[in-house]
Amino acid sequence: MQGLSGEVSMSTGAFPISAVAFEEEGVWVAQCLEYDICAQAKTLPKLHEELMRVIVGTLAVCVELGKEPFEGFDPAPQHFWKLFQSSSLKVEGNVIPLRTPTPLTRFVSEI
């Protein structure tokens, strides 16, 4: 199990995101903590790519709907926070800058 943390930055502000990554039934899962968002992949290297795709897609939909980023997303259930805190490996990420392309619908269809 790995604890991951990083930050996504948009022109509207920065959003710290922590996630716990674990393997379950042969599939790697990354569960964000601050927002109940998760991603799955067959391999650990692909998991980061898939998690970024899910985060960017979520932000794009929020912007398209005129909502604040992650508006309406609750934090992950408490047991994921406990998994993160008990993780023996912590990985710090970098700030990932994002810009909203125009038109947004074109961007979403390219993901």
PDB file of N, CA and C in Angstrom:
ATOM      1  N   MET A   1       0.843  -1.166   0.000  1.00  0.00           N
ATOM      2  CA  MET A   1       0.000   0.000   0.000  1.00  0.00           C
ATOM      3  C   MET A   1       0.889   1.230   0.000  1.00  0.00           C
ATOM      4  N   GLN A   2       0.510   2.220  -0.778  1.00  0.00           N
ATOM      5  CA  GLN A   2       1.279   3.446  -0.875  1.00  0.00           C
ATOM      6  C   GLN A   2       0.386   4.639  -0.582  1.00  0.00           C
ATOM      7  N   GLY A   3       0.937   5.625   0.109  1.00  0.00           N
ATOM      8  CA  GLY A   3       0.233   6.878   0.316  1.00  0.00           C
ATOM      9  C   GLY A   3       0.800   7.907  -0.637  1.00  0.00           C
ATOM     10  N   LEU A   4      -0.029   8.519  -1.430  1.00  0.00           N
ATOM     11  CA  LEU A   4       0.410   9.493  -2.414  1.00  0.00           C
ATOM     12  C   LEU A   4      -0.180  10.848  -2.078  1.00  0.00           C
ATOM     13  N   SER A   5       0.582  11.897  -2.288  1.00  0.00           N
ATOM     14  CA  SER A   5       0.002  13.224  -2.128  1.00  0.00           C
ATOM     15  C   SER A   5       0.612  14.159  -3.144  1.00  0.00           C
ATOM     16  N   GLY A   6      -0.153  15.111  -3.567  1.00  0.00           N
ATOM     17  CA  GLY A   6       0.293  16.087  -4.545  1.00  0.00           C
ATOM     18  C   GLY A   6      -0.707  17.217  -4.591  1.00  0.00           C
ATOM     19  N   GLU A   7      -0.592  18.036  -5.590  1.00  0.00           N
ATOM     20  CA  GLU A   7      -1.467  19.194  -5.703  1.00  0.00           C
ATOM     21  C   GLU A   7      -1.773  19.436  -7.168  1.00  0.00           C
ATOM     22  N   VAL A   8      -3.032  19.733  -7.448  1.00  0.00           N
ATOM     23  CA  VAL A   8      -3.453  20.125  -8.788  1.00  0.00           C
ATOM     24  C   VAL A   8      -3.705  21.619  -8.744  1.00  0.00           C
ATOM     25  N   SER A   9      -3.136  22.347  -9.678  1.00  0.00           N
ATOM     26  CA  SER A   9      -3.268  23.797  -9.682  1.00  0.00           C
ATOM     27  C   SER A   9      -3.953  24.257 -10.959  1.00  0.00           C
ATOM     28  N   MET A  10      -4.983  25.070 -10.806  1.00  0.00           N
ATOM     29  CA  MET A  10      -5.661  25.687 -11.947  1.00  0.00           C
ATOM     30  C   MET A  10      -5.599  27.187 -11.745  1.00  0.00           C
ATOM     31  N   SER A  11      -6.013  27.927 -12.745  1.00  0.00           N
ATOM     32  CA  SER A  11      -6.010  29.379 -12.617  1.00  0.00           C
ATOM     33  C   SER A  11      -6.921  29.841 -11.491  1.00  0.00           C
ATOM     34  N   THR A  12      -7.870  29.001 -11.106  1.00  0.00           N
ATOM     35  CA  THR A  12      -8.789  29.361 -10.022  1.00  0.00           C
ATOM     36  C   THR A  12      -8.234  29.020  -8.648  1.00  0.00           C
ATOM     37  N   GLY A  13      -7.098  28.316  -8.586  1.00  0.00           N
ATOM     38  CA  GLY A  13      -6.507  27.984  -7.296  1.00  0.00           C
ATOM     39  C   GLY A  13      -5.871  26.614  -7.297  1.00  0.00           C
ATOM     40  N   ALA A  14      -5.295  26.262  -6.164  1.00  0.00           N
ATOM     41  CA  ALA A  14      -4.640  24.969  -6.017  1.00  0.00           C
ATOM     42  C   ALA A  14      -5.505  24.056  -5.157  1.00  0.00           C
ATOM     43  N   PHE A  15      -5.445  22.780  -5.459  1.00  0.00           N
ATOM     44  CA  PHE A  15      -6.261  21.798  -4.766  1.00  0.00           C
ATOM     45  C   PHE A  15      -5.369  20.653  -4.320  1.00  0.00           C
ATOM     46  N   PRO A  16      -5.023  20.612  -3.030  1.00  0.00           N
ATOM     47  CA  PRO A  16      -4.210  19.483  -2.569  1.00  0.00           C
ATOM     48  C   PRO A  16      -5.004  18.187  -2.664  1.00  0.00           C
ATOM     49  N   ILE A  17      -4.353  17.163  -3.172  1.00  0.00           N
ATOM     50  CA  ILE A  17      -5.010  15.872  -3.319  1.00  0.00           C
ATOM     51  C   ILE A  17      -4.079  14.794  -2.785  1.00  0.00           C
ATOM     52  N   SER A  18      -4.586  14.030  -1.855  1.00  0.00           N
ATOM     53  CA  SER A  18      -3.877  12.864  -1.338  1.00  0.00           C
ATOM     54  C   SER A  18      -4.638  11.632  -1.800  1.00  0.00           C
ATOM     55  N   ALA A  19      -3.908  10.542  -1.989  1.00  0.00           N
ATOM     56  CA  ALA A  19      -4.558   9.305  -2.410  1.00  0.00           C
ATOM     57  C   ALA A  19      -3.838   8.125  -1.789  1.00  0.00           C
ATOM     58  N   VAL A  20      -4.566   7.063  -1.611  1.00  0.00           N
ATOM     59  CA  VAL A  20      -3.966   5.804  -1.176  1.00  0.00           C
ATOM     60  C   VAL A  20      -4.085   4.833  -2.350  1.00  0.00           C
ATOM     61  N   ALA A  21      -2.984   4.151  -2.648  1.00  0.00           N
ATOM     62  CA  ALA A  21      -2.963   3.189  -3.746  1.00  0.00           C
ATOM     63  C   ALA A  21      -2.800   1.792  -3.162  1.00  0.00           C
ATOM     64  N   PHE A  22      -3.589   0.864  -3.668  1.00  0.00           N
ATOM     65  CA  PHE A  22      -3.511  -0.505  -3.180  1.00  0.00           C
ATOM     66  C   PHE A  22      -3.955  -1.452  -4.283  1.00  0.00           C
ATOM     67  N   GLU A  23      -3.521  -2.694  -4.160  1.00  0.00           N
ATOM     68  CA  GLU A  23      -3.905  -3.717  -5.116  1.00  0.00           C
ATOM     69  C   GLU A  23      -5.035  -4.542  -4.524  1.00  0.00           C
ATOM     70  N   GLU A  24      -6.053  -4.761  -5.340  1.00  0.00           N
ATOM     71  CA  GLU A  24      -7.213  -5.517  -4.888  1.00  0.00           C
ATOM     72  C   GLU A  24      -7.670  -6.433  -6.018  1.00  0.00           C
ATOM     73  N   GLU A  25      -7.600  -7.728  -5.784  1.00  0.00           N
ATOM     74  CA  GLU A  25      -8.022  -8.726  -6.768  1.00  0.00           C
ATOM     75  C   GLU A  25      -7.345  -8.527  -8.124  1.00  0.00           C
ATOM     76  N   GLY A  26      -6.040  -8.245  -8.100  1.00  0.00           N
ATOM     77  CA  GLY A  26      -5.265  -8.103  -9.330  1.00  0.00           C
ATOM     78  C   GLY A  26      -5.407  -6.766 -10.033  1.00  0.00           C
ATOM     79  N   VAL A  27      -6.088  -5.817  -9.416  1.00  0.00           N
ATOM     80  CA  VAL A  27      -6.274  -4.490 -10.001  1.00  0.00           C
ATOM     81  C   VAL A  27      -5.729  -3.453  -9.030  1.00  0.00           C
ATOM     82  N   TRP A  28      -4.985  -2.480  -9.553  1.00  0.00           N
ATOM     83  CA  TRP A  28      -4.496  -1.380  -8.722  1.00  0.00           C
ATOM     84  C   TRP A  28      -5.558  -0.303  -8.621  1.00  0.00           C
ATOM     85  N   VAL A  29      -5.767   0.208  -7.415  1.00  0.00           N
ATOM     86  CA  VAL A  29      -6.779   1.228  -7.143  1.00  0.00           C
ATOM     87  C   VAL A  29      -6.111   2.422  -6.474  1.00  0.00           C
ATOM     88  N   ALA A  30      -6.445   3.620  -6.914  1.00  0.00           N
ATOM     89  CA  ALA A  30      -6.025   4.850  -6.245  1.00  0.00           C
ATOM     90  C   ALA A  30      -7.290   5.559  -5.782  1.00  0.00           C
ATOM     91  N   GLN A  31      -7.409   5.764  -4.493  1.00  0.00           N
ATOM     92  CA  GLN A  31      -8.565   6.436  -3.908  1.00  0.00           C
ATOM     93  C   GLN A  31      -8.120   7.782  -3.370  1.00  0.00           C
ATOM     94  N   CYS A  32      -8.654   8.866  -3.939  1.00  0.00           N
ATOM     95  CA  CYS A  32      -8.365  10.209  -3.421  1.00  0.00           C
ATOM     96  C   CYS A  32      -9.033  10.351  -2.061  1.00  0.00           C
ATOM     97  N   LEU A  33      -8.454  11.175  -1.214  1.00  0.00           N
ATOM     98  CA  LEU A  33      -9.000  11.340   0.134  1.00  0.00           C
ATOM     99  C   LEU A  33      -9.848  12.593   0.272  1.00  0.00           C
ATOM    100  N   GLU A  34      -9.344  13.716  -0.203  1.00  0.00           N
ATOM    101  CA  GLU A  34     -10.075  14.974  -0.023  1.00  0.00           C
ATOM    102  C   GLU A  34     -11.382  14.988  -0.805  1.00  0.00           C
ATOM    103  N   TYR A  35     -11.421  14.251  -1.905  1.00  0.00           N
ATOM    104  CA  TYR A  35     -12.613  14.136  -2.755  1.00  0.00           C
ATOM    105  C   TYR A  35     -12.799  12.654  -3.050  1.00  0.00           C
ATOM    106  N   ASP A  36     -14.003  12.152  -2.949  1.00  0.00           N
ATOM    107  CA  ASP A  36     -14.269  10.728  -3.137  1.00  0.00           C
ATOM    108  C   ASP A  36     -14.229  10.387  -4.620  1.00  0.00           C
ATOM    109  N   ILE A  37     -13.008  10.307  -5.131  1.00  0.00           N
ATOM    110  CA  ILE A  37     -12.743  10.014  -6.534  1.00  0.00           C
ATOM    111  C   ILE A  37     -11.723   8.885  -6.557  1.00  0.00           C
ATOM    112  N   CYS A  38     -11.911   7.917  -7.437  1.00  0.00           N
ATOM    113  CA  CYS A  38     -10.932   6.834  -7.519  1.00  0.00           C
ATOM    114  C   CYS A  38     -10.650   6.482  -8.970  1.00  0.00           C
ATOM    115  N   ALA A  39      -9.555   5.764  -9.155  1.00  0.00           N
ATOM    116  CA  ALA A  39      -9.170   5.285 -10.476  1.00  0.00           C
ATOM    117  C   ALA A  39      -8.652   3.866 -10.316  1.00  0.00           C
ATOM    118  N   GLN A  40      -8.712   3.109 -11.401  1.00  0.00           N
ATOM    119  CA  GLN A  40      -8.224   1.734 -11.404  1.00  0.00           C
ATOM    120  C   GLN A  40      -7.365   1.505 -12.635  1.00  0.00           C
ATOM    121  N   ALA A  41      -6.374   0.618 -12.492  1.00  0.00           N
ATOM    122  CA  ALA A  41      -5.516   0.249 -13.618  1.00  0.00           C
ATOM    123  C   ALA A  41      -4.963  -1.155 -13.381  1.00  0.00           C
ATOM    124  N   LYS A  42      -4.519  -1.776 -14.459  1.00  0.00           N
ATOM    125  CA  LYS A  42      -3.980  -3.130 -14.346  1.00  0.00           C
ATOM    126  C   LYS A  42      -2.577  -3.134 -13.754  1.00  0.00           C
ATOM    127  N   THR A  43      -1.839  -2.027 -13.922  1.00  0.00           N
ATOM    128  CA  THR A  43      -0.476  -1.959 -13.393  1.00  0.00           C
ATOM    129  C   THR A  43      -0.307  -0.675 -12.584  1.00  0.00           C
ATOM    130  N   LEU A  44       0.643  -0.704 -11.673  1.00  0.00           N
ATOM    131  CA  LEU A  44       0.912   0.471 -10.860  1.00  0.00           C
ATOM    132  C   LEU A  44       1.388   1.655 -11.704  1.00  0.00           C
ATOM    133  N   PRO A  45       2.295   1.457 -12.684  1.00  0.00           N
ATOM    134  CA  PRO A  45       2.692   2.607 -13.514  1.00  0.00           C
ATOM    135  C   PRO A  45       1.518   3.254 -14.262  1.00  0.00           C
ATOM    136  N   LYS A  46       0.551   2.459 -14.703  1.00  0.00           N
ATOM    137  CA  LYS A  46      -0.613   3.008 -15.416  1.00  0.00           C
ATOM    138  C   LYS A  46      -1.591   3.691 -14.463  1.00  0.00           C
ATOM    139  N   LEU A  47      -1.502   3.369 -13.177  1.00  0.00           N
ATOM    140  CA  LEU A  47      -2.451   3.925 -12.212  1.00  0.00           C
ATOM    141  C   LEU A  47      -2.330   5.442 -12.110  1.00  0.00           C
ATOM    142  N   HIS A  48      -1.113   5.960 -12.097  1.00  0.00           N
ATOM    143  CA  HIS A  48      -0.920   7.420 -12.026  1.00  0.00           C
ATOM    144  C   HIS A  48      -1.559   8.099 -13.230  1.00  0.00           C
ATOM    145  N   GLU A  49      -1.334   7.544 -14.402  1.00  0.00           N
ATOM    146  CA  GLU A  49      -1.920   8.102 -15.628  1.00  0.00           C
ATOM    147  C   GLU A  49      -3.444   8.093 -15.562  1.00  0.00           C
ATOM    148  N   GLU A  50      -3.993   6.997 -15.102  1.00  0.00           N
ATOM    149  CA  GLU A  50      -5.455   6.875 -15.013  1.00  0.00           C
ATOM    150  C   GLU A  50      -6.024   7.825 -13.962  1.00  0.00           C
ATOM    151  N   LEU A  51      -5.334   7.961 -12.831  1.00  0.00           N
ATOM    152  CA  LEU A  51      -5.794   8.890 -11.792  1.00  0.00           C
ATOM    153  C   LEU A  51      -5.792  10.318 -12.318  1.00  0.00           C
ATOM    154  N   MET A  52      -4.741  10.701 -13.045  1.00  0.00           N
ATOM    155  CA  MET A  52      -4.699  12.056 -13.615  1.00  0.00           C
ATOM    156  C   MET A  52      -5.829  12.250 -14.621  1.00  0.00           C
ATOM    157  N   ARG A  53      -6.121  11.223 -15.418  1.00  0.00           N
ATOM    158  CA  ARG A  53      -7.211  11.323 -16.390  1.00  0.00           C
ATOM    159  C   ARG A  53      -8.549  11.552 -15.685  1.00  0.00           C
ATOM    160  N   VAL A  54      -8.767  10.833 -14.591  1.00  0.00           N
ATOM    161  CA  VAL A  54     -10.019  10.978 -13.836  1.00  0.00           C
ATOM    162  C   VAL A  54     -10.102  12.363 -13.193  1.00  0.00           C
ATOM    163  N   ILE A  55      -9.004  12.836 -12.613  1.00  0.00           N
ATOM    164  CA  ILE A  55      -9.001  14.163 -11.973  1.00  0.00           C
ATOM    165  C   ILE A  55      -9.233  15.259 -12.999  1.00  0.00           C
ATOM    166  N   VAL A  56      -8.513  15.205 -14.116  1.00  0.00           N
ATOM    167  CA  VAL A  56      -8.681  16.223 -15.157  1.00  0.00           C
ATOM    168  C   VAL A  56     -10.095  16.175 -15.723  1.00  0.00           C
ATOM    169  N   GLY A  57     -10.618  14.973 -15.946  1.00  0.00           N
ATOM    170  CA  GLY A  57     -11.983  14.848 -16.446  1.00  0.00           C
ATOM    171  C   GLY A  57     -13.008  15.414 -15.477  1.00  0.00           C
ATOM    172  N   THR A  58     -12.804  15.163 -14.193  1.00  0.00           N
ATOM    173  CA  THR A  58     -13.702  15.702 -13.172  1.00  0.00           C
ATOM    174  C   THR A  58     -13.658  17.228 -13.157  1.00  0.00           C
ATOM    175  N   LEU A  59     -12.450  17.785 -13.219  1.00  0.00           N
ATOM    176  CA  LEU A  59     -12.318  19.245 -13.247  1.00  0.00           C
ATOM    177  C   LEU A  59     -12.967  19.831 -14.497  1.00  0.00           C
ATOM    178  N   ALA A  60     -12.779  19.166 -15.631  1.00  0.00           N
ATOM    179  CA  ALA A  60     -13.360  19.661 -16.886  1.00  0.00           C
ATOM    180  C   ALA A  60     -14.879  19.679 -16.822  1.00  0.00           C
ATOM    181  N   VAL A  61     -15.475  18.638 -16.265  1.00  0.00           N
ATOM    182  CA  VAL A  61     -16.934  18.587 -16.153  1.00  0.00           C
ATOM    183  C   VAL A  61     -17.426  19.667 -15.201  1.00  0.00           C
ATOM    184  N   CYS A  62     -16.724  19.870 -14.085  1.00  0.00           N
ATOM    185  CA  CYS A  62     -17.114  20.932 -13.147  1.00  0.00           C
ATOM    186  C   CYS A  62     -17.096  22.294 -13.828  1.00  0.00           C
ATOM    187  N   VAL A  63     -16.031  22.567 -14.570  1.00  0.00           N
ATOM    188  CA  VAL A  63     -15.924  23.856 -15.275  1.00  0.00           C
ATOM    189  C   VAL A  63     -17.037  23.983 -16.307  1.00  0.00           C
ATOM    190  N   GLU A  64     -17.277  22.919 -17.070  1.00  0.00           N
ATOM    191  CA  GLU A  64     -18.311  22.936 -18.105  1.00  0.00           C
ATOM    192  C   GLU A  64     -19.695  23.201 -17.513  1.00  0.00           C
ATOM    193  N   LEU A  65     -19.946  22.686 -16.306  1.00  0.00           N
ATOM    194  CA  LEU A  65     -21.244  22.870 -15.650  1.00  0.00           C
ATOM    195  C   LEU A  65     -21.331  24.163 -14.854  1.00  0.00           C
ATOM    196  N   GLY A  66     -20.251  24.946 -14.865  1.00  0.00           N
ATOM    197  CA  GLY A  66     -20.253  26.212 -14.139  1.00  0.00           C
ATOM    198  C   GLY A  66     -20.104  26.039 -12.639  1.00  0.00           C
ATOM    199  N   LYS A  67     -19.542  24.918 -12.218  1.00  0.00           N
ATOM    200  CA  LYS A  67     -19.358  24.656 -10.790  1.00  0.00           C
ATOM    201  C   LYS A  67     -17.917  24.910 -10.393  1.00  0.00           C
ATOM    202  N   GLU A  68     -17.708  25.075  -9.101  1.00  0.00           N
ATOM    203  CA  GLU A  68     -16.357  25.162  -8.573  1.00  0.00           C
ATOM    204  C   GLU A  68     -15.701  23.789  -8.698  1.00  0.00           C
ATOM    205  N   PRO A  69     -14.384  23.759  -8.871  1.00  0.00           N
ATOM    206  CA  PRO A  69     -13.719  22.451  -8.949  1.00  0.00           C
ATOM    207  C   PRO A  69     -14.050  21.574  -7.739  1.00  0.00           C
ATOM    208  N   PHE A  70     -14.415  20.362  -8.004  1.00  0.00           N
ATOM    209  CA  PHE A  70     -14.757  19.345  -7.002  1.00  0.00           C
ATOM    210  C   PHE A  70     -15.992  19.690  -6.170  1.00  0.00           C
ATOM    211  N   GLU A  71     -16.768  20.672  -6.610  1.00  0.00           N
ATOM    212  CA  GLU A  71     -17.999  21.022  -5.898  1.00  0.00           C
ATOM    213  C   GLU A  71     -18.931  19.815  -5.854  1.00  0.00           C
ATOM    214  N   GLY A  72     -19.416  19.512  -4.656  1.00  0.00           N
ATOM    215  CA  GLY A  72     -20.340  18.410  -4.483  1.00  0.00           C
ATOM    216  C   GLY A  72     -19.676  17.071  -4.197  1.00  0.00           C
ATOM    217  N   PHE A  73     -18.340  17.031  -4.213  1.00  0.00           N
ATOM    218  CA  PHE A  73     -17.636  15.784  -3.904  1.00  0.00           C
ATOM    219  C   PHE A  73     -17.298  15.751  -2.424  1.00  0.00           C
ATOM    220  N   ASP A  74     -17.793  14.744  -1.745  1.00  0.00           N
ATOM    221  CA  ASP A  74     -17.471  14.549  -0.332  1.00  0.00           C
ATOM    222  C   ASP A  74     -16.087  13.931  -0.203  1.00  0.00           C
ATOM    223  N   PRO A  75     -15.488  14.021   0.985  1.00  0.00           N
ATOM    224  CA  PRO A  75     -14.229  13.300   1.221  1.00  0.00           C
ATOM    225  C   PRO A  75     -14.475  11.785   1.140  1.00  0.00           C
ATOM    226  N   ALA A  76     -13.401  11.061   0.927  1.00  0.00           N
ATOM    227  CA  ALA A  76     -13.483   9.595   0.881  1.00  0.00           C
ATOM    228  C   ALA A  76     -13.915   9.059   2.241  1.00  0.00           C
ATOM    229  N   PRO A  77     -14.504   7.869   2.261  1.00  0.00           N
ATOM    230  CA  PRO A  77     -14.853   7.247   3.543  1.00  0.00           C
ATOM    231  C   PRO A  77     -13.632   7.118   4.453  1.00  0.00           C
ATOM    232  N   GLN A  78     -13.876   7.121   5.734  1.00  0.00           N
ATOM    233  CA  GLN A  78     -12.823   7.154   6.757  1.00  0.00           C
ATOM    234  C   GLN A  78     -11.828   5.997   6.646  1.00  0.00           C
ATOM    235  N   HIS A  79     -12.268   4.825   6.219  1.00  0.00           N
ATOM    236  CA  HIS A  79     -11.336   3.693   6.174  1.00  0.00           C
ATOM    237  C   HIS A  79     -10.202   3.915   5.171  1.00  0.00           C
ATOM    238  N   PHE A  80     -10.436   4.742   4.123  1.00  0.00           N
ATOM    239  CA  PHE A  80      -9.355   5.064   3.191  1.00  0.00           C
ATOM    240  C   PHE A  80      -8.343   6.008   3.835  1.00  0.00           C
ATOM    241  N   TRP A  81      -8.817   6.922   4.674  1.00  0.00           N
ATOM    242  CA  TRP A  81      -7.912   7.809   5.403  1.00  0.00           C
ATOM    243  C   TRP A  81      -7.019   6.992   6.339  1.00  0.00           C
ATOM    244  N   LYS A  82      -7.600   5.996   6.987  1.00  0.00           N
ATOM    245  CA  LYS A  82      -6.821   5.135   7.885  1.00  0.00           C
ATOM    246  C   LYS A  82      -5.781   4.332   7.104  1.00  0.00           C
ATOM    247  N   LEU A  83      -6.162   3.824   5.922  1.00  0.00           N
ATOM    248  CA  LEU A  83      -5.190   3.127   5.074  1.00  0.00           C
ATOM    249  C   LEU A  83      -4.030   4.046   4.715  1.00  0.00           C
ATOM    250  N   PHE A  84      -4.351   5.284   4.365  1.00  0.00           N
ATOM    251  CA  PHE A  84      -3.325   6.257   3.986  1.00  0.00           C
ATOM    252  C   PHE A  84      -2.383   6.516   5.165  1.00  0.00           C
ATOM    253  N   GLN A  85      -2.952   6.735   6.326  1.00  0.00           N
ATOM    254  CA  GLN A  85      -2.141   7.042   7.505  1.00  0.00           C
ATOM    255  C   GLN A  85      -1.268   5.863   7.922  1.00  0.00           C
ATOM    256  N   SER A  86      -1.708   4.644   7.658  1.00  0.00           N
ATOM    257  CA  SER A  86      -0.922   3.476   8.051  1.00  0.00           C
ATOM    258  C   SER A  86       0.052   3.022   6.962  1.00  0.00           C
ATOM    259  N   SER A  87       0.063   3.721   5.849  1.00  0.00           N
ATOM    260  CA  SER A  87       0.937   3.342   4.745  1.00  0.00           C
ATOM    261  C   SER A  87       2.402   3.425   5.151  1.00  0.00           C
ATOM    262  N   SER A  88       3.169   2.428   4.741  1.00  0.00           N
ATOM    263  CA  SER A  88       4.604   2.415   5.053  1.00  0.00           C
ATOM    264  C   SER A  88       5.407   3.213   4.037  1.00  0.00           C
ATOM    265  N   LEU A  89       4.833   3.535   2.895  1.00  0.00           N
ATOM    266  CA  LEU A  89       5.526   4.279   1.851  1.00  0.00           C
ATOM    267  C   LEU A  89       4.730   5.524   1.500  1.00  0.00           C
ATOM    268  N   LYS A  90       5.339   6.674   1.717  1.00  0.00           N
ATOM    269  CA  LYS A  90       4.695   7.944   1.363  1.00  0.00           C
ATOM    270  C   LYS A  90       5.427   8.533   0.160  1.00  0.00           C
ATOM    271  N   VAL A  91       4.687   8.946  -0.843  1.00  0.00           N
ATOM    272  CA  VAL A  91       5.252   9.530  -2.048  1.00  0.00           C
ATOM    273  C   VAL A  91       4.699  10.935  -2.187  1.00  0.00           C
ATOM    274  N   GLU A  92       5.579  11.918  -2.205  1.00  0.00           N
ATOM    275  CA  GLU A  92       5.160  13.308  -2.380  1.00  0.00           C
ATOM    276  C   GLU A  92       5.175  13.648  -3.860  1.00  0.00           C
ATOM    277  N   GLY A  93       4.107  14.224  -4.342  1.00  0.00           N
ATOM    278  CA  GLY A  93       4.027  14.633  -5.740  1.00  0.00           C
ATOM    279  C   GLY A  93       4.327  16.108  -5.898  1.00  0.00           C
ATOM    280  N   ASN A  94       4.396  16.512  -7.120  1.00  0.00           N
ATOM    281  CA  ASN A  94       4.629  17.908  -7.449  1.00  0.00           C
ATOM    282  C   ASN A  94       3.305  18.603  -7.728  1.00  0.00           C
ATOM    283  N   VAL A  95       3.364  19.910  -7.833  1.00  0.00           N
ATOM    284  CA  VAL A  95       2.197  20.671  -8.261  1.00  0.00           C
ATOM    285  C   VAL A  95       2.035  20.446  -9.757  1.00  0.00           C
ATOM    286  N   ILE A  96       0.828  20.089 -10.146  1.00  0.00           N
ATOM    287  CA  ILE A  96       0.535  19.830 -11.551  1.00  0.00           C
ATOM    288  C   ILE A  96      -0.344  20.964 -12.061  1.00  0.00           C
ATOM    289  N   PRO A  97       0.209  21.863 -12.881  1.00  0.00           N
ATOM    290  CA  PRO A  97      -0.606  22.979 -13.377  1.00  0.00           C
ATOM    291  C   PRO A  97      -1.546  22.512 -14.488  1.00  0.00           C
ATOM    292  N   LEU A  98      -2.774  22.978 -14.445  1.00  0.00           N
ATOM    293  CA  LEU A  98      -3.761  22.662 -15.470  1.00  0.00           C
ATOM    294  C   LEU A  98      -4.355  23.947 -16.009  1.00  0.00           C
ATOM    295  N   ARG A  99      -4.614  23.953 -17.287  1.00  0.00           N
ATOM    296  CA  ARG A  99      -5.327  25.068 -17.902  1.00  0.00           C
ATOM    297  C   ARG A  99      -6.558  24.515 -18.587  1.00  0.00           C
ATOM    298  N   THR A 100      -7.646  25.256 -18.521  1.00  0.00           N
ATOM    299  CA  THR A 100      -8.870  24.817 -19.174  1.00  0.00           C
ATOM    300  C   THR A 100      -8.805  25.213 -20.642  1.00  0.00           C
ATOM    301  N   PRO A 101      -8.777  24.223 -21.536  1.00  0.00           N
ATOM    302  CA  PRO A 101      -8.729  24.531 -22.962  1.00  0.00           C
ATOM    303  C   PRO A 101     -10.079  25.015 -23.473  1.00  0.00           C
ATOM    304  N   THR A 102     -10.059  25.632 -24.630  1.00  0.00           N
ATOM    305  CA  THR A 102     -11.285  26.109 -25.242  1.00  0.00           C
ATOM    306  C   THR A 102     -11.398  25.490 -26.626  1.00  0.00           C
ATOM    307  N   PRO A 103     -12.498  24.954 -27.043  1.00  0.00           N
ATOM    308  CA  PRO A 103     -13.663  24.693 -26.207  1.00  0.00           C
ATOM    309  C   PRO A 103     -13.425  23.469 -25.326  1.00  0.00           C
ATOM    310  N   LEU A 104     -14.017  23.487 -24.170  1.00  0.00           N
ATOM    311  CA  LEU A 104     -13.815  22.446 -23.181  1.00  0.00           C
ATOM    312  C   LEU A 104     -14.326  21.097 -23.665  1.00  0.00           C
ATOM    313  N   THR A 105     -15.412  21.069 -24.415  1.00  0.00           N
ATOM    314  CA  THR A 105     -15.981  19.797 -24.854  1.00  0.00           C
ATOM    315  C   THR A 105     -15.007  19.047 -25.755  1.00  0.00           C
ATOM    316  N   ARG A 106     -14.201  19.775 -26.543  1.00  0.00           N
ATOM    317  CA  ARG A 106     -13.200  19.121 -27.376  1.00  0.00           C
ATOM    318  C   ARG A 106     -12.175  18.402 -26.505  1.00  0.00           C
ATOM    319  N   PHE A 107     -11.766  19.045 -25.438  1.00  0.00           N
ATOM    320  CA  PHE A 107     -10.775  18.480 -24.532  1.00  0.00           C
ATOM    321  C   PHE A 107     -11.304  17.218 -23.880  1.00  0.00           C
ATOM    322  N   VAL A 108     -12.515  17.256 -23.391  1.00  0.00           N
ATOM    323  CA  VAL A 108     -13.098  16.103 -22.715  1.00  0.00           C
ATOM    324  C   VAL A 108     -13.190  14.919 -23.669  1.00  0.00           C
ATOM    325  N   SER A 109     -13.518  15.141 -24.914  1.00  0.00           N
ATOM    326  CA  SER A 109     -13.643  14.029 -25.859  1.00  0.00           C
ATOM    327  C   SER A 109     -12.289  13.438 -26.243  1.00  0.00           C
ATOM    328  N   GLU A 110     -11.195  14.175 -26.019  1.00  0.00           N
ATOM    329  CA  GLU A 110      -9.856  13.677 -26.341  1.00  0.00           C
ATOM    330  C   GLU A 110      -9.265  12.825 -25.241  1.00  0.00           C
ATOM    331  N   ILE A 111      -9.837  12.834 -24.044  1.00  0.00           N
ATOM    332  CA  ILE A 111      -9.266  12.088 -22.919  1.00  0.00           C
ATOM    333  C   ILE A 111      -9.479  10.613 -23.110  1.00  0.00           C
TER     334      ILE A 111
END
